[in-house]
C-alpha atoms as a PDB file:
ATOM      1  CA  UNK A   1       0.716  19.349   2.178  1.00  0.00           C
ATOM      2  CA  UNK A   2       3.793  18.420   0.148  1.00  0.00           C
ATOM      3  CA  UNK A   3       6.911  18.988   2.237  1.00  0.00           C
ATOM      4  CA  UNK A   4       9.745  20.708   0.348  1.00  0.00           C
ATOM      5  CA  UNK A   5      13.128  19.368   1.447  1.00  0.00           C
ATOM      6  CA  UNK A   6      16.264  21.470   1.860  1.00  0.00           C
ATOM      7  CA  UNK A   7      19.510  20.536   0.105  1.00  0.00           C
ATOM      8  CA  UNK A   8      20.822  19.238   3.449  1.00  0.00           C
ATOM      9  CA  UNK A   9      17.758  17.043   3.950  1.00  0.00           C
ATOM     10  CA  UNK A  10      18.136  15.620   0.465  1.00  0.00           C
ATOM     11  CA  UNK A  11      21.785  14.813   1.194  1.00  0.00           C
ATOM     12  CA  UNK A  12      20.680  12.744   4.197  1.00  0.00           C
ATOM     13  CA  UNK A  13      18.012  11.062   2.057  1.00  0.00           C
ATOM     14  CA  UNK A  14      20.748  10.120  -0.418  1.00  0.00           C
ATOM     15  CA  UNK A  15      22.626   8.418   2.431  1.00  0.00           C
ATOM     16  CA  UNK A  16      19.490   6.529   3.506  1.00  0.00           C
ATOM     17  CA  UNK A  17      18.848   5.627  -0.126  1.00  0.00           C
ATOM     18  CA  UNK A  18      22.381   4.327  -0.622  1.00  0.00           C
ATOM     19  CA  UNK A  19      21.989   1.932   2.303  1.00  0.00           C
ATOM     20  CA  UNK A  20      18.679   0.715   0.838  1.00  0.00           C
ATOM     21  CA  UNK A  21      20.339   0.230  -2.556  1.00  0.00           C
ATOM     22  CA  UNK A  22      23.200  -1.706  -0.956  1.00  0.00           C
ATOM     23  CA  UNK A  23      20.618  -3.890   0.806  1.00  0.00           C
ATOM     24  CA  UNK A  24      19.100  -4.688  -2.594  1.00  0.00           C
ATOM     25  CA  UNK A  25      22.535  -5.621  -3.889  1.00  0.00           C
ATOM     26  CA  UNK A  26      22.806  -8.062  -0.989  1.00  0.00           C
ATOM     27  CA  UNK A  27      19.375  -9.507  -1.849  1.00  0.00           C
ATOM     28  CA  UNK A  28      20.332  -9.916  -5.510  1.00  0.00           C
ATOM     29  CA  UNK A  29      23.392 -11.924  -4.466  1.00  0.00           C
ATOM     30  CA  UNK A  30      21.409 -14.111  -2.056  1.00  0.00           C
ATOM     31  CA  UNK A  31      18.392 -15.010  -4.186  1.00  0.00           C
ATOM     32  CA  UNK A  32      18.557 -18.626  -5.335  1.00  0.00           C
ATOM     33  CA  UNK A  33      16.357 -21.688  -5.455  1.00  0.00           C
ATOM     34  CA  UNK A  34      15.827 -23.034  -1.916  1.00  0.00           C
ATOM     35  CA  UNK A  35      16.483 -19.888   0.121  1.00  0.00           C
ATOM     36  CA  UNK A  36      13.669 -18.751   2.412  1.00  0.00           C
ATOM     37  CA  UNK A  37      12.224 -15.252   2.541  1.00  0.00           C
ATOM     38  CA  UNK A  38      12.937 -15.268   6.289  1.00  0.00           C
ATOM     39  CA  UNK A  39      16.640 -15.726   5.561  1.00  0.00           C
ATOM     40  CA  UNK A  40      16.543 -12.751   3.196  1.00  0.00           C
ATOM     41  CA  UNK A  41      14.771 -10.700   5.850  1.00  0.00           C
ATOM     42  CA  UNK A  42      17.253 -11.568   8.594  1.00  0.00           C
ATOM     43  CA  UNK A  43      20.308 -10.746   6.491  1.00  0.00           C
ATOM     44  CA  UNK A  44      18.851  -7.439   5.267  1.00  0.00           C
ATOM     45  CA  UNK A  45      18.004  -6.369   8.815  1.00  0.00           C
ATOM     46  CA  UNK A  46      21.492  -7.268  10.000  1.00  0.00           C
ATOM     47  CA  UNK A  47      23.026  -5.283   7.130  1.00  0.00           C
ATOM     48  CA  UNK A  48      20.842  -2.190   7.664  1.00  0.00           C
ATOM     49  CA  UNK A  49      21.608  -2.101  11.384  1.00  0.00           C
ATOM     50  CA  UNK A  50      25.342  -2.490  10.651  1.00  0.00           C
ATOM     51  CA  UNK A  51      25.100   0.881   8.861  1.00  0.00           C
ATOM     52  CA  UNK A  52      23.668   2.583  11.977  1.00  0.00           C
ATOM     53  CA  UNK A  53      20.293   2.698  10.260  1.00  0.00           C
ATOM     54  CA  UNK A  54      16.920   1.159  11.040  1.00  0.00           C
ATOM     55  CA  UNK A  55      14.645  -1.044   8.874  1.00  0.00           C
ATOM     56  CA  UNK A  56      11.684   1.314   8.369  1.00  0.00           C
ATOM     57  CA  UNK A  57       9.078  -1.395   7.860  1.00  0.00           C
ATOM     58  CA  UNK A  58       9.728  -3.354  11.066  1.00  0.00           C
ATOM     59  CA  UNK A  59       6.929  -2.488  13.458  1.00  0.00           C
ATOM     60  CA  UNK A  60       5.332  -0.018  11.029  1.00  0.00           C
ATOM     61  CA  UNK A  61       1.626  -0.278  11.889  1.00  0.00           C
ATOM     62  CA  UNK A  62       2.520  -3.671  13.333  1.00  0.00           C
ATOM     63  CA  UNK A  63       4.344  -5.114  10.297  1.00  0.00           C
ATOM     64  CA  UNK A  64       6.474  -7.975  11.669  1.00  0.00           C
ATOM     65  CA  UNK A  65       9.507  -7.917   9.361  1.00  0.00           C
ATOM     66  CA  UNK A  66      12.227  -5.728   7.864  1.00  0.00           C
ATOM     67  CA  UNK A  67      11.412  -6.390   4.202  1.00  0.00           C
ATOM     68  CA  UNK A  68       8.281  -7.122   2.235  1.00  0.00           C
ATOM     69  CA  UNK A  69       8.774 -10.304   0.205  1.00  0.00           C
ATOM     70  CA  UNK A  70       5.978 -10.891  -2.318  1.00  0.00           C
ATOM     71  CA  UNK A  71       6.126 -14.043  -4.447  1.00  0.00           C
ATOM     72  CA  UNK A  72       4.404 -14.608  -7.819  1.00  0.00           C
ATOM     73  CA  UNK A  73       0.751 -13.488  -7.477  1.00  0.00           C
ATOM     74  CA  UNK A  74       1.555 -11.518  -4.305  1.00  0.00           C
ATOM     75  CA  UNK A  75       1.514  -7.846  -5.239  1.00  0.00           C
ATOM     76  CA  UNK A  76       2.872  -6.120  -2.114  1.00  0.00           C
ATOM     77  CA  UNK A  77       3.375  -6.553   1.643  1.00  0.00           C
ATOM     78  CA  UNK A  78       4.294 -10.236   1.616  1.00  0.00           C
ATOM     79  CA  UNK A  79       5.488 -11.298   5.082  1.00  0.00           C
ATOM     80  CA  UNK A  80       8.798 -13.211   5.152  1.00  0.00           C
ATOM     81  CA  UNK A  81       8.544 -16.759   6.493  1.00  0.00           C
ATOM     82  CA  UNK A  82      10.010 -20.235   6.009  1.00  0.00           C
ATOM     83  CA  UNK A  83       8.682 -20.622   2.459  1.00  0.00           C
ATOM     84  CA  UNK A  84      11.484 -21.605   0.107  1.00  0.00           C
ATOM     85  CA  UNK A  85      11.887 -19.966  -3.279  1.00  0.00           C
ATOM     86  CA  UNK A  86      11.295 -22.336  -6.180  1.00  0.00           C
ATOM     87  CA  UNK A  87      12.737 -22.449  -9.678  1.00  0.00           C
ATOM     88  CA  UNK A  88      10.553 -20.237 -11.883  1.00  0.00           C
ATOM     89  CA  UNK A  89       9.272 -17.987  -9.082  1.00  0.00           C
ATOM     90  CA  UNK A  90       9.493 -14.215  -9.193  1.00  0.00           C
ATOM     91  CA  UNK A  91       9.853 -12.270  -5.947  1.00  0.00           C
ATOM     92  CA  UNK A  92       9.287  -8.586  -5.266  1.00  0.00           C
ATOM     93  CA  UNK A  93      11.420  -7.287  -2.406  1.00  0.00           C
ATOM     94  CA  UNK A  94      10.534  -3.906  -0.892  1.00  0.00           C
ATOM     95  CA  UNK A  95      13.092  -2.322   1.461  1.00  0.00           C
ATOM     96  CA  UNK A  96      12.795   0.791   3.609  1.00  0.00           C
ATOM     97  CA  UNK A  97      15.744   2.318   5.471  1.00  0.00           C
ATOM     98  CA  UNK A  98      15.578   5.107   8.050  1.00  0.00           C
ATOM     99  CA  UNK A  99      18.884   6.940   8.540  1.00  0.00           C
ATOM    100  CA  UNK A 100      19.315  10.086  10.625  1.00  0.00           C
ATOM    101  CA  UNK A 101      15.543  10.456  10.632  1.00  0.00           C
ATOM    102  CA  UNK A 102      14.958  10.195   6.874  1.00  0.00           C
ATOM    103  CA  UNK A 103      13.640   7.319   4.763  1.00  0.00           C
ATOM    104  CA  UNK A 104      14.821   5.622   1.586  1.00  0.00           C
ATOM    105  CA  UNK A 105      12.160   3.350   0.066  1.00  0.00           C
ATOM    106  CA  UNK A 106      12.861   1.070  -2.890  1.00  0.00           C
ATOM    107  CA  UNK A 107      11.555  -2.186  -4.425  1.00  0.00           C
ATOM    108  CA  UNK A 108      12.600  -4.569  -7.190  1.00  0.00           C
ATOM    109  CA  UNK A 109      11.314  -7.839  -8.602  1.00  0.00           C
ATOM    110  CA  UNK A 110      13.823 -10.656  -9.047  1.00  0.00           C
ATOM    111  CA  UNK A 111      13.749 -13.896 -11.046  1.00  0.00           C
ATOM    112  CA  UNK A 112      14.414 -17.168  -9.228  1.00  0.00           C
ATOM    113  CA  UNK A 113      16.210 -19.679 -11.406  1.00  0.00           C
ATOM    114  CA  UNK A 114      14.743 -19.979 -14.904  1.00  0.00           C
ATOM    115  CA  UNK A 115      11.517 -17.986 -15.299  1.00  0.00           C
ATOM    116  CA  UNK A 116       9.022 -17.846 -18.153  1.00  0.00           C
ATOM    117  CA  UNK A 117       9.413 -15.368 -21.012  1.00  0.00           C
ATOM    118  CA  UNK A 118       6.224 -13.599 -19.940  1.00  0.00           C
ATOM    119  CA  UNK A 119       7.499 -13.249 -16.372  1.00  0.00           C
ATOM    120  CA  UNK A 120      10.721 -11.730 -17.747  1.00  0.00           C
ATOM    121  CA  UNK A 121       8.699  -9.309 -19.830  1.00  0.00           C
ATOM    122  CA  UNK A 122       6.507  -8.380 -16.863  1.00  0.00           C
ATOM    123  CA  UNK A 123       9.556  -7.532 -14.752  1.00  0.00           C
ATOM    124  CA  UNK A 124      11.125  -5.503 -17.560  1.00  0.00           C
ATOM    125  CA  UNK A 125       7.947  -3.573 -18.413  1.00  0.00           C
ATOM    126  CA  UNK A 126       7.434  -2.723 -14.733  1.00  0.00           C
ATOM    127  CA  UNK A 127      10.959  -1.335 -14.544  1.00  0.00           C
ATOM    128  CA  UNK A 128      10.565   0.484 -17.868  1.00  0.00           C
ATOM    129  CA  UNK A 129       7.308   2.109 -16.749  1.00  0.00           C
ATOM    130  CA  UNK A 130       9.089   3.696 -13.777  1.00  0.00           C
ATOM    131  CA  UNK A 131      11.612   5.335 -16.099  1.00  0.00           C
ATOM    132  CA  UNK A 132       8.847   6.435 -18.479  1.00  0.00           C
ATOM    133  CA  UNK A 133       7.095   8.029 -15.512  1.00  0.00           C
ATOM    134  CA  UNK A 134      10.071   9.959 -14.199  1.00  0.00           C
ATOM    135  CA  UNK A 135      10.640  11.590 -17.578  1.00  0.00           C
ATOM    136  CA  UNK A 136       7.910  13.902 -16.242  1.00  0.00           C
ATOM    137  CA  UNK A 137       9.359  14.257 -12.726  1.00  0.00           C
ATOM    138  CA  UNK A 138      10.622  17.746 -13.460  1.00  0.00           C
ATOM    139  CA  UNK A 139       9.718  21.259 -12.413  1.00  0.00           C
ATOM    140  CA  UNK A 140       6.710  22.576 -14.293  1.00  0.00           C
ATOM    141  CA  UNK A 141       5.027  19.250 -14.963  1.00  0.00           C
ATOM    142  CA  UNK A 142       2.037  18.154 -12.890  1.00  0.00           C
ATOM    143  CA  UNK A 143       2.014  15.148 -10.588  1.00  0.00           C
ATOM    144  CA  UNK A 144      -0.416  13.151 -12.730  1.00  0.00           C
ATOM    145  CA  UNK A 145       1.888  13.449 -15.743  1.00  0.00           C
ATOM    146  CA  UNK A 146       4.042  10.814 -13.996  1.00  0.00           C
ATOM    147  CA  UNK A 147       0.995   8.619 -13.311  1.00  0.00           C
ATOM    148  CA  UNK A 148      -0.289   8.860 -16.879  1.00  0.00           C
ATOM    149  CA  UNK A 149       3.080   7.946 -18.415  1.00  0.00           C
ATOM    150  CA  UNK A 150       3.350   4.836 -16.215  1.00  0.00           C
ATOM    151  CA  UNK A 151      -0.151   3.647 -17.134  1.00  0.00           C
ATOM    152  CA  UNK A 152       0.399   4.270 -20.835  1.00  0.00           C
ATOM    153  CA  UNK A 153       3.645   2.282 -20.866  1.00  0.00           C
ATOM    154  CA  UNK A 154       2.143  -0.663 -18.968  1.00  0.00           C
ATOM    155  CA  UNK A 155      -1.110  -0.931 -20.897  1.00  0.00           C
ATOM    156  CA  UNK A 156       0.602  -0.636 -24.287  1.00  0.00           C
ATOM    157  CA  UNK A 157       2.435  -3.837 -23.334  1.00  0.00           C
ATOM    158  CA  UNK A 158      -0.809  -5.649 -22.467  1.00  0.00           C
ATOM    159  CA  UNK A 159      -0.388  -5.610 -18.688  1.00  0.00           C
ATOM    160  CA  UNK A 160      -2.427  -3.764 -16.052  1.00  0.00           C
ATOM    161  CA  UNK A 161      -1.617  -1.245 -13.322  1.00  0.00           C
ATOM    162  CA  UNK A 162      -2.738  -1.887  -9.747  1.00  0.00           C
ATOM    163  CA  UNK A 163      -5.300   0.757  -8.714  1.00  0.00           C
ATOM    164  CA  UNK A 164      -5.675   0.094  -4.975  1.00  0.00           C
ATOM    165  CA  UNK A 165      -2.090   0.899  -3.971  1.00  0.00           C
ATOM    166  CA  UNK A 166      -0.065   3.943  -4.991  1.00  0.00           C
ATOM    167  CA  UNK A 167       3.240   5.757  -4.716  1.00  0.00           C
ATOM    168  CA  UNK A 168       3.667   8.533  -2.184  1.00  0.00           C
ATOM    169  CA  UNK A 169       5.727  11.370  -0.836  1.00  0.00           C
ATOM    170  CA  UNK A 170       8.683  10.289   1.289  1.00  0.00           C
ATOM    171  CA  UNK A 171      11.009  12.021   3.744  1.00  0.00           C
ATOM    172  CA  UNK A 172      10.933  12.037   7.529  1.00  0.00           C
ATOM    173  CA  UNK A 173       7.956   9.714   7.218  1.00  0.00           C
ATOM    174  CA  UNK A 174       7.715   6.751   4.879  1.00  0.00           C
ATOM    175  CA  UNK A 175       4.299   7.896   3.675  1.00  0.00           C
ATOM    176  CA  UNK A 176       3.969  11.644   3.172  1.00  0.00           C
ATOM    177  CA  UNK A 177       1.670  13.642   0.928  1.00  0.00           C
ATOM    178  CA  UNK A 178       0.900  13.357  -1.902  1.00  0.00           C
ATOM    179  CA  UNK A 179      -0.480  10.004  -3.007  1.00  0.00           C
ATOM    180  CA  UNK A 180       0.843   9.146  -6.479  1.00  0.00           C
ATOM    181  CA  UNK A 181      -1.345   6.713  -8.454  1.00  0.00           C
ATOM    182  CA  UNK A 182       0.223   4.760 -11.317  1.00  0.00           C
ATOM    183  CA  UNK A 183      -2.719   5.618 -13.566  1.00  0.00           C
ATOM    184  CA  UNK A 184      -4.874   8.572 -14.524  1.00  0.00           C
ATOM    185  CA  UNK A 185      -5.206  11.525 -16.853  1.00  0.00           C
ATOM    186  CA  UNK A 186      -2.262  13.837 -17.437  1.00  0.00           C
ATOM    187  CA  UNK A 187      -2.115  17.516 -16.416  1.00  0.00           C
ATOM    188  CA  UNK A 188      -3.804  17.079 -13.025  1.00  0.00           C
ATOM    189  CA  UNK A 189      -2.656  17.736  -9.489  1.00  0.00           C
ATOM    190  CA  UNK A 190       0.075  20.003  -8.091  1.00  0.00           C
ATOM    191  CA  UNK A 191       2.916  21.365 -10.175  1.00  0.00           C
ATOM    192  CA  UNK A 192       6.261  19.807  -9.357  1.00  0.00           C
ATOM    193  CA  UNK A 193       8.861  21.924  -7.581  1.00  0.00           C
ATOM    194  CA  UNK A 194      12.494  21.488  -6.635  1.00  0.00           C
ATOM    195  CA  UNK A 195      12.834  19.832  -3.237  1.00  0.00           C
ATOM    196  CA  UNK A 196       9.798  17.564  -3.524  1.00  0.00           C
ATOM    197  CA  UNK A 197      10.687  13.927  -2.777  1.00  0.00           C
ATOM    198  CA  UNK A 198       8.558  11.022  -3.925  1.00  0.00           C
ATOM    199  CA  UNK A 199       8.520   7.227  -3.910  1.00  0.00           C
ATOM    200  CA  UNK A 200       7.412   6.274  -7.423  1.00  0.00           C
ATOM    201  CA  UNK A 201       6.367   2.612  -7.500  1.00  0.00           C
ATOM    202  CA  UNK A 202       4.599   0.927 -10.394  1.00  0.00           C
ATOM    203  CA  UNK A 203       2.858  -2.302  -9.348  1.00  0.00           C
ATOM    204  CA  UNK A 204       2.016  -4.194 -12.526  1.00  0.00           C
ATOM    205  CA  UNK A 205      -0.127  -7.292 -12.997  1.00  0.00           C
ATOM    206  CA  UNK A 206       0.166  -9.916 -15.707  1.00  0.00           C
ATOM    207  CA  UNK A 207      -3.625 -10.182 -15.802  1.00  0.00           C
ATOM    208  CA  UNK A 208      -6.310  -7.788 -14.573  1.00  0.00           C
ATOM    209  CA  UNK A 209      -5.639  -5.046 -12.035  1.00  0.00           C
ATOM    210  CA  UNK A 210      -8.035  -6.304  -9.334  1.00  0.00           C
ATOM    211  CA  UNK A 211      -6.457  -7.382  -6.043  1.00  0.00           C
ATOM    212  CA  UNK A 212      -7.446  -9.065  -2.748  1.00  0.00           C
ATOM    213  CA  UNK A 213      -6.113  -8.781   0.802  1.00  0.00           C
ATOM    214  CA  UNK A 214      -5.211 -12.061   2.518  1.00  0.00           C
ATOM    215  CA  UNK A 215      -6.411 -12.929   6.018  1.00  0.00           C
ATOM    216  CA  UNK A 216      -3.159 -11.698   7.580  1.00  0.00           C
ATOM    217  CA  UNK A 217      -4.369  -8.165   6.708  1.00  0.00           C
ATOM    218  CA  UNK A 218      -1.064  -7.365   5.017  1.00  0.00           C
ATOM    219  CA  UNK A 219      -0.377  -9.459   1.932  1.00  0.00           C
ATOM    220  CA  UNK A 220      -2.128  -8.332  -1.252  1.00  0.00           C
ATOM    221  CA  UNK A 221      -2.569 -10.769  -4.158  1.00  0.00           C
ATOM    222  CA  UNK A 222      -3.939 -10.560  -7.679  1.00  0.00           C
ATOM    223  CA  UNK A 223      -7.573 -11.658  -7.740  1.00  0.00           C
ATOM    224  CA  UNK A 224      -6.974 -13.780 -10.850  1.00  0.00           C
ATOM    225  CA  UNK A 225      -3.801 -15.321  -9.272  1.00  0.00           C
ATOM    226  CA  UNK A 226      -1.651 -14.155 -12.169  1.00  0.00           C
ATOM    227  CA  UNK A 227       1.830 -12.738 -11.617  1.00  0.00           C
ATOM    228  CA  UNK A 228       2.589  -9.262 -10.291  1.00  0.00           C
ATOM    229  CA  UNK A 229       5.801  -7.204 -10.329  1.00  0.00           C
ATOM    230  CA  UNK A 230       6.906  -4.098  -8.397  1.00  0.00           C
ATOM    231  CA  UNK A 231       9.601  -1.498  -9.067  1.00  0.00           C
ATOM    232  CA  UNK A 232      10.246   1.513  -6.844  1.00  0.00           C
ATOM    233  CA  UNK A 233      12.766   4.249  -6.212  1.00  0.00           C
ATOM    234  CA  UNK A 234      12.701   7.318  -4.032  1.00  0.00           C
ATOM    235  CA  UNK A 235      13.431  10.405  -6.132  1.00  0.00           C
ATOM    236  CA  UNK A 236      13.998  14.133  -5.642  1.00  0.00           C
ATOM    237  CA  UNK A 237      12.770  16.863  -7.954  1.00  0.00           C
ATOM    238  CA  UNK A 238      15.694  19.144  -8.879  1.00  0.00           C
ATOM    239  CA  UNK A 239      16.076  22.145 -11.159  1.00  0.00           C
ATOM    240  CA  UNK A 240      16.990  19.658 -13.910  1.00  0.00           C
ATOM    241  CA  UNK A 241      16.600  15.896 -14.232  1.00  0.00           C
ATOM    242  CA  UNK A 242      15.078  13.977 -11.298  1.00  0.00           C
ATOM    243  CA  UNK A 243      17.615  12.495  -8.870  1.00  0.00           C
ATOM    244  CA  UNK A 244      17.178   8.838  -7.921  1.00  0.00           C
ATOM    245  CA  UNK A 245      17.929   8.703  -4.200  1.00  0.00           C
ATOM    246  CA  UNK A 246      17.907   4.905  -3.828  1.00  0.00           C
ATOM    247  CA  UNK A 247      20.602   3.856  -6.288  1.00  0.00           C
ATOM    248  CA  UNK A 248      24.322   3.127  -5.968  1.00  0.00           C
END
């Protein structure tokens, strides 16, 4: 069942989303050659807690950290550790913030130092596909209209959309109904209504869409070891344009 949020609930989600967006700003300022993903994780956790909020991911189904930090061929759910970022890497950072009982969930992929032209294009197309998708995040459209627009944008650029992991509803829980694939036919699924809140998150691979889970049972990588990028915002359906909850 898709939970419809009240105006008051959406106001709280905006506050949670703002903290998550500010955490990303902190990450963007910290990322440089030589920093470790553990350092990023520690500073983000400290920042989130300073705002009287909680890092949603920490302890979620046993996840050991406050951010997901996925480097190069890692698609999602990379666990922060003492690995140092290298010149030419790309890193996807996923941040969840729980504030007053509501979640803001957002991810971005960052360049480290000087990256290849194709890596730049991958990051940009992933971001662009999100905005192509939310053109259809309006009352009257169907859920799969978002999915179809994301897939179309990505595949027209010669990249592929991850099939095994999807976007989702968001609110009191990080993962609410419905699941929102980043691929599929248009004009399927429920009609969108004001008060629905979703985390829309294209995960885009440089090569083929197939992925593998590492032995830690968290980190997902591309099977062909090519690059992957991730872009996510939590949004609310309104009576007009969609509202991005996780932006400054």
